[in-house]
Protein backbone atom coordinates (compact mmCIF):
# COMPACT_ATOMS: atom_id res chain seq x y z
CA MET A 1 -172.22 -82.49 12.58
CA LEU A 2 -171.05 -83.29 15.27
CA ARG A 3 -168.93 -86.53 16.44
CA TRP A 4 -166.75 -87.94 18.81
CA TYR A 5 -162.96 -88.46 17.69
CA ASN A 6 -160.39 -90.28 20.33
CA LEU A 7 -157.69 -89.11 21.01
CA THR A 8 -156.16 -92.25 22.88
CA PRO A 9 -157.60 -95.28 23.58
CA LYS A 10 -159.36 -93.90 26.78
CA VAL A 11 -159.80 -90.35 26.62
CA ARG A 12 -162.56 -88.86 23.41
CA ILE A 13 -163.15 -85.43 22.09
CA TYR A 14 -166.50 -83.68 19.71
CA ILE A 15 -165.46 -82.85 17.28
CA ASP A 16 -167.60 -82.04 13.55
CA ASP A 17 -166.31 -81.67 10.08
CA ASN A 18 -164.36 -78.61 9.86
CA ASP A 19 -161.95 -80.03 12.79
CA LEU A 20 -162.17 -84.38 11.21
CA GLU A 21 -160.97 -82.26 7.42
CA PHE A 22 -157.98 -80.26 9.35
CA ILE A 23 -157.02 -83.07 12.01
CA ASN A 24 -156.56 -85.77 8.38
CA LYS A 25 -154.23 -82.71 6.32
CA TYR A 26 -152.00 -81.95 9.02
CA LYS A 27 -151.57 -84.69 11.28
CA HIS A 28 -148.67 -86.48 9.66
CA PHE A 29 -146.54 -82.89 9.20
CA LYS A 30 -143.79 -83.10 11.84
CA LYS A 31 -144.75 -79.28 12.13
CA ILE A 32 -147.02 -76.44 11.25
CA SER A 33 -146.33 -72.77 11.18
CA LYS A 34 -148.46 -70.08 11.24
CA GLN A 35 -147.85 -67.93 9.32
CA SER A 36 -149.22 -70.95 6.04
CA LEU A 37 -152.45 -71.39 7.10
CA ALA A 38 -155.29 -69.61 5.87
CA PRO A 39 -156.77 -67.63 8.93
CA GLU A 40 -159.17 -70.05 8.60
CA GLU A 41 -157.70 -72.68 9.83
CA VAL A 42 -155.75 -70.93 12.43
CA ASP A 43 -159.12 -70.69 14.35
CA ILE A 44 -159.76 -74.80 14.20
CA ALA A 45 -155.87 -74.87 15.32
CA ASP A 46 -156.38 -72.45 18.26
CA LYS A 47 -159.74 -74.73 19.36
CA LEU A 48 -157.85 -78.21 18.97
CA VAL A 49 -155.66 -76.34 20.89
CA GLN A 50 -157.97 -75.99 23.33
CA LYS A 51 -158.59 -80.25 22.85
CA SER A 52 -155.36 -81.10 23.40
CA VAL A 53 -155.49 -82.73 19.82
CA PHE A 54 -152.74 -79.95 19.23
CA GLY A 55 -150.26 -78.53 21.01
CA ARG A 56 -148.65 -75.33 20.05
CA TYR A 57 -145.00 -74.03 19.75
CA LYS A 58 -144.09 -70.58 20.15
CA THR A 59 -140.70 -69.25 19.37
CA GLU A 60 -139.81 -65.98 19.41
CA SER A 61 -140.00 -65.01 15.90
CA GLU A 62 -143.23 -68.57 15.23
CA THR A 63 -145.39 -69.49 15.57
CA PHE A 64 -146.15 -73.85 15.55
CA TYR A 65 -148.71 -75.98 15.57
CA LEU A 66 -147.34 -79.70 16.68
CA PHE A 67 -149.97 -82.73 15.71
CA ASN A 68 -150.51 -84.34 19.98
CA ARG A 69 -149.67 -88.51 19.52
């Protein structure tokens, strides 16, 4: 089911239940390693990067996801 998510007080985006579950699971983490995620979670994280909910930080050896507060 699609629902609104308040990214900031004036910015809302559409997300589904899987997106909301992923956000609630990882929003308190400082950074999340791409290698520590399941393949399905990587797809969700990439989709949320496009929606600016998460940011992507790449190093030479690793990719990390950061929750945008």
